Amino acid sequence: ANSKSAPLTLLEKRVAPGPATLSRVDTVLEREDRLEWLKMKGLECDCSRCRFENGESVSSTLLRAVAACAERDGRFEDALRAHGAVLAEDPSDGDALYGRARVHGWSDKWGIE
């Protein structure tokens, strides 16, 4: 890989029908910055994270992938929002409840001050 190119990061595992999504920008960037960079390269994004951050409906399966990416990046608030969206659909979703509790624990220990 060329050092001038943006890192490729797996954003979503293949957890649902359709192609997997690869981020062509750093996933810690805010949505506006990601979209601006992609626009400069002549690209558009329709990933589940961008759709979720834009207020569009995203399946619980894909929201779990969004939350997992956010957790790996240390974006705890984003992870909590994604877990919260899953819980809004199903308040008894054990994975989302555990994910939210796990993120609360991580953000207390490794949050950026």
PDB file of N, CA and C in Angstrom:
ATOM      1  N   ALA A   1       0.829  -1.184   0.000  1.00  0.00           N
ATOM      2  CA  ALA A   1       0.000   0.000   0.000  1.00  0.00           C
ATOM      3  C   ALA A   1       0.875   1.249   0.000  1.00  0.00           C
ATOM      4  N   ASN A   2       0.429   2.237  -0.707  1.00  0.00           N
ATOM      5  CA  ASN A   2       1.100   3.516  -0.832  1.00  0.00           C
ATOM      6  C   ASN A   2       0.873   4.311   0.452  1.00  0.00           C
ATOM      7  N   SER A   3       1.916   4.940   0.976  1.00  0.00           N
ATOM      8  CA  SER A   3       1.773   5.685   2.236  1.00  0.00           C
ATOM      9  C   SER A   3       0.875   6.910   2.090  1.00  0.00           C
ATOM     10  N   LYS A   4       0.637   7.361   0.857  1.00  0.00           N
ATOM     11  CA  LYS A   4      -0.225   8.527   0.661  1.00  0.00           C
ATOM     12  C   LYS A   4      -1.701   8.148   0.582  1.00  0.00           C
ATOM     13  N   SER A   5      -1.999   6.869   0.449  1.00  0.00           N
ATOM     14  CA  SER A   5      -3.395   6.460   0.375  1.00  0.00           C
ATOM     15  C   SER A   5      -3.944   6.259   1.777  1.00  0.00           C
ATOM     16  N   ALA A   6      -5.247   6.445   1.912  1.00  0.00           N
ATOM     17  CA  ALA A   6      -5.899   6.270   3.209  1.00  0.00           C
ATOM     18  C   ALA A   6      -5.918   4.791   3.571  1.00  0.00           C
ATOM     19  N   PRO A   7      -5.868   4.479   4.853  1.00  0.00           N
ATOM     20  CA  PRO A   7      -5.898   3.073   5.259  1.00  0.00           C
ATOM     21  C   PRO A   7      -7.251   2.449   4.955  1.00  0.00           C
ATOM     22  N   LEU A   8      -7.241   1.193   4.587  1.00  0.00           N
ATOM     23  CA  LEU A   8      -8.484   0.464   4.372  1.00  0.00           C
ATOM     24  C   LEU A   8      -8.811  -0.263   5.661  1.00  0.00           C
ATOM     25  N   THR A   9     -10.000  -0.054   6.165  1.00  0.00           N
ATOM     26  CA  THR A   9     -10.418  -0.654   7.422  1.00  0.00           C
ATOM     27  C   THR A   9     -11.728  -1.376   7.193  1.00  0.00           C
ATOM     28  N   LEU A  10     -11.813  -2.617   7.648  1.00  0.00           N
ATOM     29  CA  LEU A  10     -13.061  -3.344   7.523  1.00  0.00           C
ATOM     30  C   LEU A  10     -14.079  -2.705   8.450  1.00  0.00           C
ATOM     31  N   LEU A  11     -15.160  -2.180   7.878  1.00  0.00           N
ATOM     32  CA  LEU A  11     -16.177  -1.497   8.668  1.00  0.00           C
ATOM     33  C   LEU A  11     -17.263  -2.469   9.116  1.00  0.00           C
ATOM     34  N   GLU A  12     -17.641  -3.370   8.232  1.00  0.00           N
ATOM     35  CA  GLU A  12     -18.697  -4.309   8.568  1.00  0.00           C
ATOM     36  C   GLU A  12     -18.264  -5.708   8.181  1.00  0.00           C
ATOM     37  N   LYS A  13     -18.534  -6.645   9.038  1.00  0.00           N
ATOM     38  CA  LYS A  13     -18.336  -8.034   8.658  1.00  0.00           C
ATOM     39  C   LYS A  13     -19.469  -8.407   7.717  1.00  0.00           C
ATOM     40  N   ARG A  14     -19.291  -9.440   6.977  1.00  0.00           N
ATOM     41  CA  ARG A  14     -20.372  -9.898   6.100  1.00  0.00           C
ATOM     42  C   ARG A  14     -21.396 -10.617   6.972  1.00  0.00           C
ATOM     43  N   VAL A  15     -22.290  -9.850   7.550  1.00  0.00           N
ATOM     44  CA  VAL A  15     -23.277 -10.377   8.486  1.00  0.00           C
ATOM     45  C   VAL A  15     -24.685 -10.345   7.901  1.00  0.00           C
ATOM     46  N   ALA A  16     -24.816  -9.818   6.717  1.00  0.00           N
ATOM     47  CA  ALA A  16     -26.128  -9.710   6.090  1.00  0.00           C
ATOM     48  C   ALA A  16     -25.949  -9.882   4.588  1.00  0.00           C
ATOM     49  N   PRO A  17     -27.015 -10.166   3.881  1.00  0.00           N
ATOM     50  CA  PRO A  17     -26.902 -10.281   2.427  1.00  0.00           C
ATOM     51  C   PRO A  17     -26.347  -8.995   1.821  1.00  0.00           C
ATOM     52  N   GLY A  18     -25.599  -9.137   0.761  1.00  0.00           N
ATOM     53  CA  GLY A  18     -25.020  -7.974   0.106  1.00  0.00           C
ATOM     54  C   GLY A  18     -23.529  -7.923   0.331  1.00  0.00           C
ATOM     55  N   PRO A  19     -22.879  -6.992  -0.331  1.00  0.00           N
ATOM     56  CA  PRO A  19     -21.422  -6.905  -0.225  1.00  0.00           C
ATOM     57  C   PRO A  19     -20.969  -6.368   1.127  1.00  0.00           C
ATOM     58  N   ALA A  20     -19.792  -6.791   1.539  1.00  0.00           N
ATOM     59  CA  ALA A  20     -19.186  -6.225   2.744  1.00  0.00           C
ATOM     60  C   ALA A  20     -18.773  -4.793   2.429  1.00  0.00           C
ATOM     61  N   THR A  21     -18.645  -3.983   3.441  1.00  0.00           N
ATOM     62  CA  THR A  21     -18.274  -2.585   3.256  1.00  0.00           C
ATOM     63  C   THR A  21     -16.859  -2.363   3.761  1.00  0.00           C
ATOM     64  N   LEU A  22     -16.055  -1.723   2.959  1.00  0.00           N
ATOM     65  CA  LEU A  22     -14.705  -1.328   3.364  1.00  0.00           C
ATOM     66  C   LEU A  22     -14.660   0.178   3.429  1.00  0.00           C
ATOM     67  N   SER A  23     -14.097   0.689   4.503  1.00  0.00           N
ATOM     68  CA  SER A  23     -13.943   2.126   4.613  1.00  0.00           C
ATOM     69  C   SER A  23     -12.686   2.540   3.875  1.00  0.00           C
ATOM     70  N   ARG A  24     -12.796   3.539   3.051  1.00  0.00           N
ATOM     71  CA  ARG A  24     -11.640   4.067   2.328  1.00  0.00           C
ATOM     72  C   ARG A  24     -11.074   5.299   3.029  1.00  0.00           C
ATOM     73  N   VAL A  25     -11.634   5.600   4.202  1.00  0.00           N
ATOM     74  CA  VAL A  25     -11.156   6.713   5.021  1.00  0.00           C
ATOM     75  C   VAL A  25     -10.998   6.210   6.448  1.00  0.00           C
ATOM     76  N   ASP A  26     -10.299   6.973   7.246  1.00  0.00           N
ATOM     77  CA  ASP A  26     -10.104   6.617   8.633  1.00  0.00           C
ATOM     78  C   ASP A  26     -11.450   6.625   9.346  1.00  0.00           C
ATOM     79  N   THR A  27     -11.804   5.535   9.981  1.00  0.00           N
ATOM     80  CA  THR A  27     -13.127   5.409  10.586  1.00  0.00           C
ATOM     81  C   THR A  27     -13.302   6.238  11.854  1.00  0.00           C
ATOM     82  N   VAL A  28     -12.240   6.854  12.370  1.00  0.00           N
ATOM     83  CA  VAL A  28     -12.407   7.711  13.547  1.00  0.00           C
ATOM     84  C   VAL A  28     -12.852   9.117  13.158  1.00  0.00           C
ATOM     85  N   LEU A  29     -12.836   9.438  11.878  1.00  0.00           N
ATOM     86  CA  LEU A  29     -13.267  10.764  11.416  1.00  0.00           C
ATOM     87  C   LEU A  29     -14.770  10.922  11.574  1.00  0.00           C
ATOM     88  N   GLU A  30     -15.207  12.148  11.769  1.00  0.00           N
ATOM     89  CA  GLU A  30     -16.634  12.457  11.810  1.00  0.00           C
ATOM     90  C   GLU A  30     -17.227  12.299  10.406  1.00  0.00           C
ATOM     91  N   ARG A  31     -18.539  12.103  10.356  1.00  0.00           N
ATOM     92  CA  ARG A  31     -19.230  11.848   9.092  1.00  0.00           C
ATOM     93  C   ARG A  31     -18.927  12.910   8.037  1.00  0.00           C
ATOM     94  N   GLU A  32     -19.008  14.185   8.403  1.00  0.00           N
ATOM     95  CA  GLU A  32     -18.792  15.262   7.435  1.00  0.00           C
ATOM     96  C   GLU A  32     -17.386  15.193   6.838  1.00  0.00           C
ATOM     97  N   ASP A  33     -16.399  14.897   7.673  1.00  0.00           N
ATOM     98  CA  ASP A  33     -15.018  14.791   7.194  1.00  0.00           C
ATOM     99  C   ASP A  33     -14.848  13.582   6.279  1.00  0.00           C
ATOM    100  N   ARG A  34     -15.479  12.458   6.638  1.00  0.00           N
ATOM    101  CA  ARG A  34     -15.399  11.268   5.780  1.00  0.00           C
ATOM    102  C   ARG A  34     -16.028  11.552   4.426  1.00  0.00           C
ATOM    103  N   LEU A  35     -17.228  12.163   4.439  1.00  0.00           N
ATOM    104  CA  LEU A  35     -17.922  12.441   3.180  1.00  0.00           C
ATOM    105  C   LEU A  35     -17.164  13.444   2.323  1.00  0.00           C
ATOM    106  N   GLU A  36     -16.553  14.442   2.950  1.00  0.00           N
ATOM    107  CA  GLU A  36     -15.771  15.439   2.208  1.00  0.00           C
ATOM    108  C   GLU A  36     -14.581  14.780   1.517  1.00  0.00           C
ATOM    109  N   TRP A  37     -13.885  13.905   2.237  1.00  0.00           N
ATOM    110  CA  TRP A  37     -12.736  13.219   1.652  1.00  0.00           C
ATOM    111  C   TRP A  37     -13.168  12.349   0.478  1.00  0.00           C
ATOM    112  N   LEU A  38     -14.263  11.608   0.663  1.00  0.00           N
ATOM    113  CA  LEU A  38     -14.760  10.748  -0.412  1.00  0.00           C
ATOM    114  C   LEU A  38     -15.190  11.571  -1.619  1.00  0.00           C
ATOM    115  N   LYS A  39     -15.836  12.698  -1.379  1.00  0.00           N
ATOM    116  CA  LYS A  39     -16.288  13.565  -2.468  1.00  0.00           C
ATOM    117  C   LYS A  39     -15.097  14.057  -3.295  1.00  0.00           C
ATOM    118  N   MET A  40     -13.995  14.412  -2.605  1.00  0.00           N
ATOM    119  CA  MET A  40     -12.794  14.856  -3.322  1.00  0.00           C
ATOM    120  C   MET A  40     -12.256  13.754  -4.227  1.00  0.00           C
ATOM    121  N   LYS A  41     -12.496  12.497  -3.859  1.00  0.00           N
ATOM    122  CA  LYS A  41     -12.033  11.359  -4.653  1.00  0.00           C
ATOM    123  C   LYS A  41     -13.092  10.894  -5.655  1.00  0.00           C
ATOM    124  N   GLY A  42     -14.231  11.589  -5.695  1.00  0.00           N
ATOM    125  CA  GLY A  42     -15.297  11.224  -6.620  1.00  0.00           C
ATOM    126  C   GLY A  42     -16.093  10.012  -6.169  1.00  0.00           C
ATOM    127  N   LEU A  43     -16.107   9.758  -4.865  1.00  0.00           N
ATOM    128  CA  LEU A  43     -16.809   8.596  -4.329  1.00  0.00           C
ATOM    129  C   LEU A  43     -17.979   9.032  -3.457  1.00  0.00           C
ATOM    130  N   GLU A  44     -18.960   8.162  -3.337  1.00  0.00           N
ATOM    131  CA  GLU A  44     -20.084   8.373  -2.430  1.00  0.00           C
ATOM    132  C   GLU A  44     -20.149   7.194  -1.480  1.00  0.00           C
ATOM    133  N   CYS A  45     -20.742   7.394  -0.328  1.00  0.00           N
ATOM    134  CA  CYS A  45     -20.836   6.316   0.654  1.00  0.00           C
ATOM    135  C   CYS A  45     -22.296   6.026   0.977  1.00  0.00           C
ATOM    136  N   ASP A  46     -22.613   4.744   1.028  1.00  0.00           N
ATOM    137  CA  ASP A  46     -23.948   4.307   1.411  1.00  0.00           C
ATOM    138  C   ASP A  46     -23.835   3.201   2.457  1.00  0.00           C
ATOM    139  N   CYS A  47     -22.788   3.279   3.294  1.00  0.00           N
ATOM    140  CA  CYS A  47     -22.600   2.238   4.307  1.00  0.00           C
ATOM    141  C   CYS A  47     -23.627   2.407   5.427  1.00  0.00           C
ATOM    142  N   SER A  48     -23.770   1.380   6.220  1.00  0.00           N
ATOM    143  CA  SER A  48     -24.759   1.428   7.297  1.00  0.00           C
ATOM    144  C   SER A  48     -24.415   2.496   8.340  1.00  0.00           C
ATOM    145  N   ARG A  49     -23.136   2.748   8.575  1.00  0.00           N
ATOM    146  CA  ARG A  49     -22.773   3.794   9.537  1.00  0.00           C
ATOM    147  C   ARG A  49     -23.228   5.156   9.043  1.00  0.00           C
ATOM    148  N   CYS A  50     -22.941   5.473   7.783  1.00  0.00           N
ATOM    149  CA  CYS A  50     -23.362   6.771   7.242  1.00  0.00           C
ATOM    150  C   CYS A  50     -24.882   6.891   7.230  1.00  0.00           C
ATOM    151  N   ARG A  51     -25.568   5.802   6.854  1.00  0.00           N
ATOM    152  CA  ARG A  51     -27.036   5.839   6.862  1.00  0.00           C
ATOM    153  C   ARG A  51     -27.558   6.055   8.281  1.00  0.00           C
ATOM    154  N   PHE A  52     -26.991   5.351   9.260  1.00  0.00           N
ATOM    155  CA  PHE A  52     -27.413   5.493  10.655  1.00  0.00           C
ATOM    156  C   PHE A  52     -27.154   6.910  11.148  1.00  0.00           C
ATOM    157  N   GLU A  53     -25.966   7.437  10.871  1.00  0.00           N
ATOM    158  CA  GLU A  53     -25.622   8.787  11.319  1.00  0.00           C
ATOM    159  C   GLU A  53     -26.467   9.851  10.614  1.00  0.00           C
ATOM    160  N   ASN A  54     -27.045   9.500   9.472  1.00  0.00           N
ATOM    161  CA  ASN A  54     -27.904  10.415   8.731  1.00  0.00           C
ATOM    162  C   ASN A  54     -29.370  10.275   9.163  1.00  0.00           C
ATOM    163  N   GLY A  55     -29.633   9.406  10.147  1.00  0.00           N
ATOM    164  CA  GLY A  55     -30.989   9.241  10.657  1.00  0.00           C
ATOM    165  C   GLY A  55     -31.843   8.262   9.879  1.00  0.00           C
ATOM    166  N   GLU A  56     -31.225   7.516   8.976  1.00  0.00           N
ATOM    167  CA  GLU A  56     -31.972   6.533   8.192  1.00  0.00           C
ATOM    168  C   GLU A  56     -32.093   5.226   8.966  1.00  0.00           C
ATOM    169  N   SER A  57     -33.044   4.409   8.547  1.00  0.00           N
ATOM    170  CA  SER A  57     -33.272   3.125   9.191  1.00  0.00           C
ATOM    171  C   SER A  57     -32.169   2.130   8.798  1.00  0.00           C
ATOM    172  N   VAL A  58     -31.644   1.438   9.803  1.00  0.00           N
ATOM    173  CA  VAL A  58     -30.599   0.431   9.595  1.00  0.00           C
ATOM    174  C   VAL A  58     -30.984  -0.788  10.425  1.00  0.00           C
ATOM    175  N   SER A  59     -30.818  -1.968   9.868  1.00  0.00           N
ATOM    176  CA  SER A  59     -31.196  -3.192  10.577  1.00  0.00           C
ATOM    177  C   SER A  59     -30.353  -3.381  11.838  1.00  0.00           C
ATOM    178  N   SER A  60     -30.899  -4.119  12.783  1.00  0.00           N
ATOM    179  CA  SER A  60     -30.182  -4.408  14.023  1.00  0.00           C
ATOM    180  C   SER A  60     -28.875  -5.133  13.749  1.00  0.00           C
ATOM    181  N   THR A  61     -28.884  -6.029  12.775  1.00  0.00           N
ATOM    182  CA  THR A  61     -27.664  -6.766  12.432  1.00  0.00           C
ATOM    183  C   THR A  61     -26.561  -5.808  12.016  1.00  0.00           C
ATOM    184  N   LEU A  62     -26.892  -4.843  11.166  1.00  0.00           N
ATOM    185  CA  LEU A  62     -25.886  -3.884  10.716  1.00  0.00           C
ATOM    186  C   LEU A  62     -25.520  -2.889  11.809  1.00  0.00           C
ATOM    187  N   LEU A  63     -26.467  -2.559  12.680  1.00  0.00           N
ATOM    188  CA  LEU A  63     -26.151  -1.678  13.802  1.00  0.00           C
ATOM    189  C   LEU A  63     -25.127  -2.319  14.735  1.00  0.00           C
ATOM    190  N   ARG A  64     -25.188  -3.641  14.866  1.00  0.00           N
ATOM    191  CA  ARG A  64     -24.187  -4.334  15.679  1.00  0.00           C
ATOM    192  C   ARG A  64     -22.786  -4.166  15.072  1.00  0.00           C
ATOM    193  N   ALA A  65     -22.713  -4.206  13.739  1.00  0.00           N
ATOM    194  CA  ALA A  65     -21.423  -4.005  13.068  1.00  0.00           C
ATOM    195  C   ALA A  65     -20.944  -2.566  13.257  1.00  0.00           C
ATOM    196  N   VAL A  66     -21.859  -1.612  13.200  1.00  0.00           N
ATOM    197  CA  VAL A  66     -21.518  -0.208  13.433  1.00  0.00           C
ATOM    198  C   VAL A  66     -20.988  -0.042  14.856  1.00  0.00           C
ATOM    199  N   ALA A  67     -21.666  -0.658  15.818  1.00  0.00           N
ATOM    200  CA  ALA A  67     -21.235  -0.572  17.215  1.00  0.00           C
ATOM    201  C   ALA A  67     -19.866  -1.218  17.404  1.00  0.00           C
ATOM    202  N   ALA A  68     -19.645  -2.365  16.775  1.00  0.00           N
ATOM    203  CA  ALA A  68     -18.360  -3.064  16.917  1.00  0.00           C
ATOM    204  C   ALA A  68     -17.214  -2.217  16.366  1.00  0.00           C
ATOM    205  N   CYS A  69     -17.435  -1.585  15.224  1.00  0.00           N
ATOM    206  CA  CYS A  69     -16.408  -0.708  14.641  1.00  0.00           C
ATOM    207  C   CYS A  69     -16.135   0.462  15.575  1.00  0.00           C
ATOM    208  N   ALA A  70     -17.187   1.053  16.109  1.00  0.00           N
ATOM    209  CA  ALA A  70     -17.024   2.182  17.023  1.00  0.00           C
ATOM    210  C   ALA A  70     -16.256   1.763  18.275  1.00  0.00           C
ATOM    211  N   GLU A  71     -16.562   0.579  18.788  1.00  0.00           N
ATOM    212  CA  GLU A  71     -15.846   0.090  19.967  1.00  0.00           C
ATOM    213  C   GLU A  71     -14.359  -0.080  19.661  1.00  0.00           C
ATOM    214  N   ARG A  72     -14.038  -0.683  18.517  1.00  0.00           N
ATOM    215  CA  ARG A  72     -12.629  -0.883  18.138  1.00  0.00           C
ATOM    216  C   ARG A  72     -11.902   0.444  17.994  1.00  0.00           C
ATOM    217  N   ASP A  73     -12.610   1.459  17.508  1.00  0.00           N
ATOM    218  CA  ASP A  73     -12.002   2.782  17.304  1.00  0.00           C
ATOM    219  C   ASP A  73     -11.947   3.613  18.583  1.00  0.00           C
ATOM    220  N   GLY A  74     -12.584   3.138  19.650  1.00  0.00           N
ATOM    221  CA  GLY A  74     -12.639   3.927  20.875  1.00  0.00           C
ATOM    222  C   GLY A  74     -13.655   5.053  20.804  1.00  0.00           C
ATOM    223  N   ARG A  75     -14.598   4.966  19.866  1.00  0.00           N
ATOM    224  CA  ARG A  75     -15.668   5.969  19.738  1.00  0.00           C
ATOM    225  C   ARG A  75     -16.852   5.500  20.584  1.00  0.00           C
ATOM    226  N   PHE A  76     -16.715   5.661  21.898  1.00  0.00           N
ATOM    227  CA  PHE A  76     -17.669   5.081  22.826  1.00  0.00           C
ATOM    228  C   PHE A  76     -19.072   5.653  22.686  1.00  0.00           C
ATOM    229  N   GLU A  77     -19.190   6.956  22.474  1.00  0.00           N
ATOM    230  CA  GLU A  77     -20.521   7.559  22.322  1.00  0.00           C
ATOM    231  C   GLU A  77     -21.231   7.009  21.091  1.00  0.00           C
ATOM    232  N   ASP A  78     -20.491   6.813  20.006  1.00  0.00           N
ATOM    233  CA  ASP A  78     -21.087   6.239  18.790  1.00  0.00           C
ATOM    234  C   ASP A  78     -21.539   4.804  19.029  1.00  0.00           C
ATOM    235  N   ALA A  79     -20.724   4.041  19.756  1.00  0.00           N
ATOM    236  CA  ALA A  79     -21.088   2.660  20.073  1.00  0.00           C
ATOM    237  C   ALA A  79     -22.352   2.626  20.922  1.00  0.00           C
ATOM    238  N   LEU A  80     -22.425   3.522  21.900  1.00  0.00           N
ATOM    239  CA  LEU A  80     -23.614   3.576  22.762  1.00  0.00           C
ATOM    240  C   LEU A  80     -24.860   3.940  21.960  1.00  0.00           C
ATOM    241  N   ARG A  81     -24.733   4.860  21.007  1.00  0.00           N
ATOM    242  CA  ARG A  81     -25.884   5.222  20.162  1.00  0.00           C
ATOM    243  C   ARG A  81     -26.353   4.034  19.335  1.00  0.00           C
ATOM    244  N   ALA A  82     -25.407   3.280  18.775  1.00  0.00           N
ATOM    245  CA  ALA A  82     -25.776   2.122  17.956  1.00  0.00           C
ATOM    246  C   ALA A  82     -26.438   1.043  18.812  1.00  0.00           C
ATOM    247  N   HIS A  83     -25.861   0.753  19.974  1.00  0.00           N
ATOM    248  CA  HIS A  83     -26.492  -0.223  20.878  1.00  0.00           C
ATOM    249  C   HIS A  83     -27.865   0.280  21.313  1.00  0.00           C
ATOM    250  N   GLY A  84     -27.987   1.579  21.565  1.00  0.00           N
ATOM    251  CA  GLY A  84     -29.269   2.153  21.951  1.00  0.00           C
ATOM    252  C   GLY A  84     -30.323   2.019  20.867  1.00  0.00           C
ATOM    253  N   ALA A  85     -29.916   2.145  19.608  1.00  0.00           N
ATOM    254  CA  ALA A  85     -30.864   1.991  18.499  1.00  0.00           C
ATOM    255  C   ALA A  85     -31.368   0.551  18.416  1.00  0.00           C
ATOM    256  N   VAL A  86     -30.488  -0.415  18.671  1.00  0.00           N
ATOM    257  CA  VAL A  86     -30.917  -1.818  18.699  1.00  0.00           C
ATOM    258  C   VAL A  86     -31.908  -2.016  19.836  1.00  0.00           C
ATOM    259  N   LEU A  87     -31.595  -1.440  20.991  1.00  0.00           N
ATOM    260  CA  LEU A  87     -32.473  -1.590  22.151  1.00  0.00           C
ATOM    261  C   LEU A  87     -33.804  -0.865  21.969  1.00  0.00           C
ATOM    262  N   ALA A  88     -33.844   0.166  21.165  1.00  0.00           N
ATOM    263  CA  ALA A  88     -35.110   0.856  20.887  1.00  0.00           C
ATOM    264  C   ALA A  88     -36.067  -0.071  20.147  1.00  0.00           C
ATOM    265  N   GLU A  89     -35.504  -0.939  19.312  1.00  0.00           N
ATOM    266  CA  GLU A  89     -36.332  -1.906  18.584  1.00  0.00           C
ATOM    267  C   GLU A  89     -36.692  -3.102  19.451  1.00  0.00           C
ATOM    268  N   ASP A  90     -35.748  -3.545  20.284  1.00  0.00           N
ATOM    269  CA  ASP A  90     -35.959  -4.709  21.135  1.00  0.00           C
ATOM    270  C   ASP A  90     -35.271  -4.475  22.472  1.00  0.00           C
ATOM    271  N   PRO A  91     -36.011  -3.941  23.454  1.00  0.00           N
ATOM    272  CA  PRO A  91     -35.413  -3.603  24.753  1.00  0.00           C
ATOM    273  C   PRO A  91     -34.811  -4.790  25.500  1.00  0.00           C
ATOM    274  N   SER A  92     -35.143  -6.005  25.095  1.00  0.00           N
ATOM    275  CA  SER A  92     -34.601  -7.174  25.786  1.00  0.00           C
ATOM    276  C   SER A  92     -33.470  -7.837  25.000  1.00  0.00           C
ATOM    277  N   ASP A  93     -32.917  -7.156  24.003  1.00  0.00           N
ATOM    278  CA  ASP A  93     -31.828  -7.723  23.201  1.00  0.00           C
ATOM    279  C   ASP A  93     -30.586  -7.875  24.079  1.00  0.00           C
ATOM    280  N   GLY A  94     -30.263  -9.105  24.427  1.00  0.00           N
ATOM    281  CA  GLY A  94     -29.156  -9.383  25.333  1.00  0.00           C
ATOM    282  C   GLY A  94     -27.808  -8.915  24.816  1.00  0.00           C
ATOM    283  N   ASP A  95     -27.567  -9.086  23.519  1.00  0.00           N
ATOM    284  CA  ASP A  95     -26.282  -8.652  22.951  1.00  0.00           C
ATOM    285  C   ASP A  95     -26.105  -7.141  23.076  1.00  0.00           C
ATOM    286  N   ALA A  96     -27.174  -6.404  22.784  1.00  0.00           N
ATOM    287  CA  ALA A  96     -27.083  -4.946  22.860  1.00  0.00           C
ATOM    288  C   ALA A  96     -26.972  -4.477  24.312  1.00  0.00           C
ATOM    289  N   LEU A  97     -27.689  -5.141  25.213  1.00  0.00           N
ATOM    290  CA  LEU A  97     -27.578  -4.786  26.634  1.00  0.00           C
ATOM    291  C   LEU A  97     -26.156  -5.032  27.133  1.00  0.00           C
ATOM    292  N   TYR A  98     -25.591  -6.187  26.768  1.00  0.00           N
ATOM    293  CA  TYR A  98     -24.224  -6.490  27.174  1.00  0.00           C
ATOM    294  C   TYR A  98     -23.240  -5.517  26.514  1.00  0.00           C
ATOM    295  N   GLY A  99     -23.457  -5.223  25.233  1.00  0.00           N
ATOM    296  CA  GLY A  99     -22.583  -4.288  24.523  1.00  0.00           C
ATOM    297  C   GLY A  99     -22.589  -2.920  25.167  1.00  0.00           C
ATOM    298  N   ARG A 100     -23.762  -2.447  25.529  1.00  0.00           N
ATOM    299  CA  ARG A 100     -23.864  -1.137  26.172  1.00  0.00           C
ATOM    300  C   ARG A 100     -23.145  -1.134  27.522  1.00  0.00           C
ATOM    301  N   ALA A 101     -23.328  -2.185  28.299  1.00  0.00           N
ATOM    302  CA  ALA A 101     -22.653  -2.274  29.597  1.00  0.00           C
ATOM    303  C   ALA A 101     -21.137  -2.352  29.415  1.00  0.00           C
ATOM    304  N   ARG A 102     -20.693  -3.112  28.422  1.00  0.00           N
ATOM    305  CA  ARG A 102     -19.256  -3.250  28.150  1.00  0.00           C
ATOM    306  C   ARG A 102     -18.662  -1.900  27.760  1.00  0.00           C
ATOM    307  N   VAL A 103     -19.347  -1.165  26.902  1.00  0.00           N
ATOM    308  CA  VAL A 103     -18.841   0.135  26.461  1.00  0.00           C
ATOM    309  C   VAL A 103     -18.789   1.116  27.624  1.00  0.00           C
ATOM    310  N   HIS A 104     -19.793   1.093  28.478  1.00  0.00           N
ATOM    311  CA  HIS A 104     -19.747   1.961  29.665  1.00  0.00           C
ATOM    312  C   HIS A 104     -18.509   1.659  30.490  1.00  0.00           C
ATOM    313  N   GLY A 105     -18.178   0.385  30.652  1.00  0.00           N
ATOM    314  CA  GLY A 105     -16.984   0.009  31.399  1.00  0.00           C
ATOM    315  C   GLY A 105     -15.715   0.465  30.718  1.00  0.00           C
ATOM    316  N   TRP A 106     -15.637   0.324  29.405  1.00  0.00           N
ATOM    317  CA  TRP A 106     -14.452   0.748  28.657  1.00  0.00           C
ATOM    318  C   TRP A 106     -14.287   2.248  28.706  1.00  0.00           C
ATOM    319  N   SER A 107     -15.373   2.973  28.499  1.00  0.00           N
ATOM    320  CA  SER A 107     -15.252   4.428  28.423  1.00  0.00           C
ATOM    321  C   SER A 107     -14.808   5.006  29.760  1.00  0.00           C
ATOM    322  N   ASP A 108     -15.151   4.341  30.861  1.00  0.00           N
ATOM    323  CA  ASP A 108     -14.672   4.802  32.158  1.00  0.00           C
ATOM    324  C   ASP A 108     -13.171   4.624  32.310  1.00  0.00           C
ATOM    325  N   LYS A 109     -12.637   3.538  31.737  1.00  0.00           N
ATOM    326  CA  LYS A 109     -11.230   3.222  31.900  1.00  0.00           C
ATOM    327  C   LYS A 109     -10.343   3.845  30.834  1.00  0.00           C
ATOM    328  N   TRP A 110     -10.847   3.904  29.589  1.00  0.00           N
ATOM    329  CA  TRP A 110      -9.984   4.313  28.484  1.00  0.00           C
ATOM    330  C   TRP A 110     -10.493   5.513  27.727  1.00  0.00           C
ATOM    331  N   GLY A 111     -11.438   6.219  28.291  1.00  0.00           N
ATOM    332  CA  GLY A 111     -11.968   7.394  27.622  1.00  0.00           C
ATOM    333  C   GLY A 111     -10.927   8.494  27.502  1.00  0.00           C
ATOM    334  N   ILE A 112     -11.070   9.272  26.455  1.00  0.00           N
ATOM    335  CA  ILE A 112     -10.163  10.393  26.241  1.00  0.00           C
ATOM    336  C   ILE A 112     -10.653  11.555  27.086  1.00  0.00           C
ATOM    337  N   GLU A 113      -9.753  12.167  27.827  1.00  0.00           N
ATOM    338  CA  GLU A 113     -10.144  13.277  28.693  1.00  0.00           C
ATOM    339  C   GLU A 113      -9.860  14.596  28.031  1.00  0.00           C
TER     340      GLU A 113
END
